[in-house]
Amino acid sequence: MMTRSGRRMTSLWLAGCLAFAGCSKKEEPAAAPTGAQPQPEVQAPPTSPPLGTIPREGEAAAKPPVHTASMGDEEVAGAPPSETESPSDAPAGDAPAEDPKNREWTTTPVSMKRRPAQSVTLRSVRAGTHADFDRVVFEFDGPQVPGYQLQYVDKPIIQCGSGDETPLAGKGFLQVTLTPARGHDDQGRATVAALEMKPKLPTLLELVRTCDFEAEVTWVLGNKAPTDFRVMELRDPTRLVVDVKH
């Protein structure tokens, strides 16, 4: 009798254990698949320029210089990065080097005499404003800036070919004479599209070409007043830069 009761108790105990074990297995969480990869985090786009980015600043950002390109075939918005105040390379051939004194602000005449084998062709004239000065850039073919002379002159402003008087805005007239140079091609066509410009900048109001004859090219800048100016020679491409203070 006790043996049967013992067997019955053992059977009940085994059944309870199996039931309990089954419940425990069902409650175990499912394991993650072994081949699953974690999802990458999505980064928000940066709110400021990357480190090392150099944005346009000051007047260059607010009022980009207005340029007029040669032959009317393109418009250049903004001053080329190379038009800086860094010293120019050595001139080609036996031409004298740029005089560093010409880069100093002055109101007195500035000159540089050069005699290349042939006239240097003027290809572009453009003007723009900067924080403290207005800038005119004369761009040439070839590796060498021609000779030049800059000085303030009195009215009347005369066209060298016709002798006619040229009206010009402003009260300070800065004459830029380039020699030997030419502003036309072999067919006699002007290499600069606009021979008169009215940029109406803080100081520079107008500029006009008054001569292109016998290896001499002359432009006159009409400024509000005869303020200080400076001259710089730049390379790649070949340019003569004239700045006038505000």
Protein backbone atom coordinates (compact mmCIF):
# COMPACT_ATOMS: atom_id res chain seq x y z
CA MET A 1 0.00 0.00 0.00
CA MET A 2 2.78 2.35 0.88
CA THR A 3 4.66 1.27 -2.21
CA ARG A 4 1.79 2.23 -4.50
CA SER A 5 1.34 5.54 -2.69
CA GLY A 6 5.05 6.22 -3.05
CA ARG A 7 4.97 5.48 -6.77
CA ARG A 8 1.95 7.73 -7.16
CA MET A 9 3.67 10.57 -5.33
CA THR A 10 6.80 10.12 -7.43
CA SER A 11 4.73 10.31 -10.65
CA LEU A 12 3.01 13.47 -9.50
CA TRP A 13 6.33 14.99 -8.54
CA LEU A 14 7.83 14.21 -11.98
CA ALA A 15 4.79 15.62 -13.76
CA GLY A 16 5.04 18.83 -11.75
CA CYS A 17 8.75 19.16 -12.53
CA LEU A 18 8.15 18.70 -16.28
CA ALA A 19 5.32 21.24 -16.26
CA PHE A 20 7.48 23.74 -14.41
CA ALA A 21 10.42 23.21 -16.77
CA GLY A 22 8.16 23.74 -19.81
CA CYS A 23 6.88 27.01 -18.45
CA SER A 24 10.40 28.24 -17.76
CA LYS A 25 11.47 27.56 -21.37
CA LYS A 26 8.53 29.47 -22.79
CA GLU A 27 9.44 32.56 -20.72
CA GLU A 28 13.04 32.76 -22.01
CA PRO A 29 13.56 35.71 -24.40
CA ALA A 30 14.45 34.91 -27.99
CA ALA A 31 18.16 35.34 -28.80
CA ALA A 32 19.16 37.91 -31.46
CA PRO A 33 20.22 36.46 -34.84
CA THR A 34 23.97 35.95 -34.98
CA GLY A 35 24.32 37.66 -38.39
CA ALA A 36 22.45 40.90 -37.50
CA GLN A 37 24.51 44.15 -37.66
CA PRO A 38 23.86 47.24 -35.49
CA GLN A 39 22.25 50.14 -37.39
CA PRO A 40 24.60 53.13 -37.91
CA GLU A 41 23.73 56.42 -36.26
CA VAL A 42 22.49 59.18 -38.57
CA GLN A 43 24.42 62.40 -37.98
CA ALA A 44 22.75 65.77 -38.40
CA PRO A 45 24.29 68.05 -41.05
CA PRO A 46 26.79 70.62 -39.72
CA THR A 47 25.41 74.05 -38.94
CA SER A 48 28.68 75.88 -39.75
CA PRO A 49 31.31 75.64 -42.53
CA PRO A 50 33.93 72.90 -42.06
CA LEU A 51 37.12 73.84 -40.27
CA GLY A 52 39.54 75.46 -42.73
CA THR A 53 36.85 76.94 -45.02
CA ILE A 54 37.57 80.57 -45.82
CA PRO A 55 34.35 82.48 -46.64
CA ARG A 56 34.27 85.80 -48.43
CA GLU A 57 34.48 88.64 -45.96
CA GLY A 58 33.55 92.28 -45.53
CA GLU A 59 32.97 94.34 -48.62
CA ALA A 60 33.85 91.41 -50.88
CA ALA A 61 30.87 89.48 -49.52
CA ALA A 62 28.47 92.41 -49.28
CA LYS A 63 29.38 94.13 -52.55
CA PRO A 64 31.38 91.94 -54.97
CA PRO A 65 33.48 94.00 -57.40
CA VAL A 66 31.89 94.63 -60.78
CA HIS A 67 34.22 93.62 -63.62
CA THR A 68 34.08 94.30 -67.34
CA ALA A 69 36.02 91.71 -69.35
CA SER A 70 37.78 92.27 -72.67
CA MET A 71 36.03 91.67 -76.00
CA GLY A 72 32.69 91.45 -74.17
CA ASP A 73 32.92 87.64 -74.12
CA GLU A 74 32.60 87.09 -70.38
CA GLU A 75 31.64 88.78 -67.14
CA VAL A 76 33.79 88.15 -64.09
CA ALA A 77 31.91 88.38 -60.79
CA GLY A 78 34.22 89.07 -57.87
CA ALA A 79 37.88 89.87 -57.77
CA PRO A 80 40.16 87.03 -58.85
CA PRO A 81 41.91 85.44 -55.86
CA SER A 82 45.32 86.20 -57.36
CA GLU A 83 44.71 89.96 -57.29
CA THR A 84 46.37 90.39 -53.91
CA GLU A 85 49.13 92.58 -52.59
CA SER A 86 51.83 89.90 -52.70
CA PRO A 87 55.04 90.90 -54.55
CA SER A 88 55.24 90.02 -58.22
CA ASP A 89 57.80 87.68 -59.77
CA ALA A 90 60.92 88.95 -61.51
CA PRO A 91 60.14 90.60 -64.88
CA ALA A 92 60.94 88.86 -68.14
CA GLY A 93 64.19 89.50 -70.02
CA ASP A 94 66.22 92.60 -69.20
CA ALA A 95 63.25 94.73 -68.12
CA PRO A 96 63.73 96.57 -64.81
CA ALA A 97 62.02 95.07 -61.79
CA GLU A 98 59.04 96.67 -60.11
CA ASP A 99 59.97 99.50 -57.74
CA PRO A 100 58.61 98.64 -54.24
CA LYS A 101 58.14 102.36 -53.57
CA ASN A 102 55.38 102.44 -56.17
CA ARG A 103 53.28 100.32 -53.80
CA GLU A 104 53.27 103.07 -51.22
CA TRP A 105 50.29 105.43 -51.03
CA THR A 106 50.98 108.80 -52.65
CA THR A 107 49.50 111.66 -54.64
CA THR A 108 52.72 112.45 -56.51
CA PRO A 109 53.54 111.09 -60.00
CA VAL A 110 54.69 107.48 -60.29
CA SER A 111 56.54 106.08 -63.30
CA MET A 112 58.28 102.95 -64.57
CA LYS A 113 60.13 102.97 -67.89
CA ARG A 114 60.27 99.76 -69.93
CA ARG A 115 60.94 99.13 -73.59
CA PRO A 116 59.79 95.65 -74.66
CA ALA A 117 60.59 94.55 -78.20
CA GLN A 118 56.97 95.12 -79.21
CA SER A 119 53.86 96.80 -77.81
CA VAL A 120 52.06 94.89 -75.07
CA THR A 121 48.36 94.32 -75.81
CA LEU A 122 45.82 95.44 -73.23
CA ARG A 123 43.13 92.76 -72.93
CA SER A 124 40.92 93.74 -70.01
CA VAL A 125 40.03 96.69 -67.79
CA ARG A 126 37.91 96.10 -64.70
CA ALA A 127 37.03 97.99 -61.53
CA GLY A 128 35.78 97.04 -58.08
CA THR A 129 35.55 98.28 -54.52
CA HIS A 130 37.21 97.04 -51.34
CA ALA A 131 36.95 98.03 -47.68
CA ASP A 132 39.23 101.10 -47.86
CA PHE A 133 39.91 101.65 -51.54
CA ASP A 134 38.65 101.22 -55.10
CA ARG A 135 40.67 99.13 -57.55
CA VAL A 136 41.24 99.23 -61.31
CA VAL A 137 42.97 96.28 -62.97
CA PHE A 138 44.65 96.49 -66.39
CA GLU A 139 45.35 93.02 -67.77
CA PHE A 140 47.81 92.32 -70.60
CA ASP A 141 48.93 89.59 -72.95
CA GLY A 142 52.40 88.18 -72.42
CA PRO A 143 54.69 87.96 -69.40
CA GLN A 144 55.54 91.64 -68.91
CA VAL A 145 53.71 94.78 -67.78
CA PRO A 146 54.64 97.67 -70.11
CA GLY A 147 56.10 100.93 -68.90
CA TYR A 148 53.64 103.21 -67.10
CA GLN A 149 53.18 106.68 -65.68
CA LEU A 150 50.45 107.82 -63.26
CA GLN A 151 49.71 111.39 -62.26
CA TYR A 152 46.81 113.68 -61.45
CA VAL A 153 45.99 116.04 -64.29
CA ASP A 154 43.73 119.06 -64.71
CA LYS A 155 40.77 119.45 -67.00
CA PRO A 156 40.11 119.51 -69.87
CA ILE A 157 40.57 115.77 -70.53
CA ILE A 158 41.46 115.49 -74.23
CA GLN A 159 41.18 112.58 -76.66
CA CYS A 160 44.63 112.25 -78.25
CA GLY A 161 43.35 111.28 -81.71
CA SER A 162 40.67 113.91 -82.27
CA GLY A 163 41.66 116.57 -79.78
CA ASP A 164 38.08 116.62 -78.50
CA GLU A 165 37.38 117.30 -74.85
CA THR A 166 36.03 114.34 -72.88
CA PRO A 167 33.61 115.05 -70.02
CA LEU A 168 34.55 113.08 -66.90
CA ALA A 169 32.87 112.87 -63.50
CA GLY A 170 34.72 113.77 -60.31
CA LYS A 171 37.26 116.34 -59.12
CA GLY A 172 40.42 114.24 -59.13
CA PHE A 173 41.59 112.97 -62.51
CA LEU A 174 44.23 110.24 -62.31
CA GLN A 175 45.83 109.63 -65.70
CA VAL A 176 47.34 106.20 -66.39
CA THR A 177 49.65 106.09 -69.43
CA LEU A 178 50.93 102.70 -70.68
CA THR A 179 53.81 102.49 -73.16
CA PRO A 180 54.71 100.70 -75.34
CA ALA A 181 51.22 99.27 -75.38
CA ARG A 182 48.17 98.99 -77.61
CA GLY A 183 44.46 98.49 -77.06
CA HIS A 184 43.64 97.04 -80.48
CA ASP A 185 44.41 93.94 -82.55
CA ASP A 186 46.12 93.67 -85.95
CA GLN A 187 42.81 94.52 -87.68
CA GLY A 188 42.45 97.71 -85.65
CA ARG A 189 39.60 96.40 -83.48
CA ALA A 190 39.54 97.43 -79.81
CA THR A 191 40.61 94.62 -77.46
CA VAL A 192 38.61 96.09 -74.56
CA ALA A 193 34.86 96.15 -75.08
CA ALA A 194 33.98 99.24 -73.03
CA LEU A 195 36.10 102.35 -73.57
CA GLU A 196 34.10 104.30 -71.01
CA MET A 197 32.84 102.90 -67.69
CA LYS A 198 30.78 104.38 -64.87
CA PRO A 199 31.13 102.00 -61.91
CA LYS A 200 30.07 104.72 -59.42
CA LEU A 201 32.17 103.31 -56.60
CA PRO A 202 32.86 105.14 -53.31
CA THR A 203 35.80 107.05 -54.85
CA LEU A 204 35.99 105.99 -58.50
CA LEU A 205 33.05 107.45 -60.40
CA GLU A 206 34.10 106.99 -64.01
CA LEU A 207 37.03 105.93 -66.19
CA VAL A 208 37.59 106.52 -69.87
CA ARG A 209 40.19 105.66 -72.48
CA THR A 210 41.62 108.82 -74.02
CA CYS A 211 44.42 107.45 -76.20
CA ASP A 212 45.45 104.38 -78.21
CA PHE A 213 47.97 105.74 -80.68
CA GLU A 214 51.65 105.15 -81.59
CA ALA A 215 52.27 102.51 -78.89
CA GLU A 216 50.63 104.57 -76.17
CA VAL A 217 47.43 103.70 -74.29
CA THR A 218 45.97 106.16 -71.79
CA TRP A 219 43.07 105.84 -69.39
CA VAL A 220 41.87 108.54 -66.99
CA LEU A 221 40.15 107.73 -63.69
CA GLY A 222 37.55 110.24 -62.54
CA ASN A 223 37.64 110.23 -58.72
CA LYS A 224 35.62 112.22 -56.21
CA ALA A 225 38.85 113.94 -55.12
CA PRO A 226 42.59 113.63 -55.76
CA THR A 227 43.10 111.02 -53.03
CA ASP A 228 46.13 108.79 -52.42
CA PHE A 229 46.82 106.01 -54.89
CA ARG A 230 49.26 103.12 -55.25
CA VAL A 231 50.43 100.87 -58.11
CA MET A 232 51.22 97.14 -58.10
CA GLU A 233 52.39 94.67 -60.73
CA LEU A 234 50.93 91.15 -60.58
CA ARG A 235 51.55 87.95 -62.54
CA ASP A 236 49.60 84.97 -63.92
CA PRO A 237 47.98 86.73 -65.66
CA THR A 238 50.02 89.90 -66.22
CA ARG A 239 48.30 92.87 -64.57
CA LEU A 240 48.85 96.43 -63.43
CA VAL A 241 46.71 97.25 -60.39
CA VAL A 242 45.80 100.82 -59.43
CA ASP A 243 44.17 101.44 -56.04
CA VAL A 244 42.66 104.77 -54.95
CA LYS A 245 41.75 105.41 -51.32
CA HIS A 246 38.21 106.12 -50.16
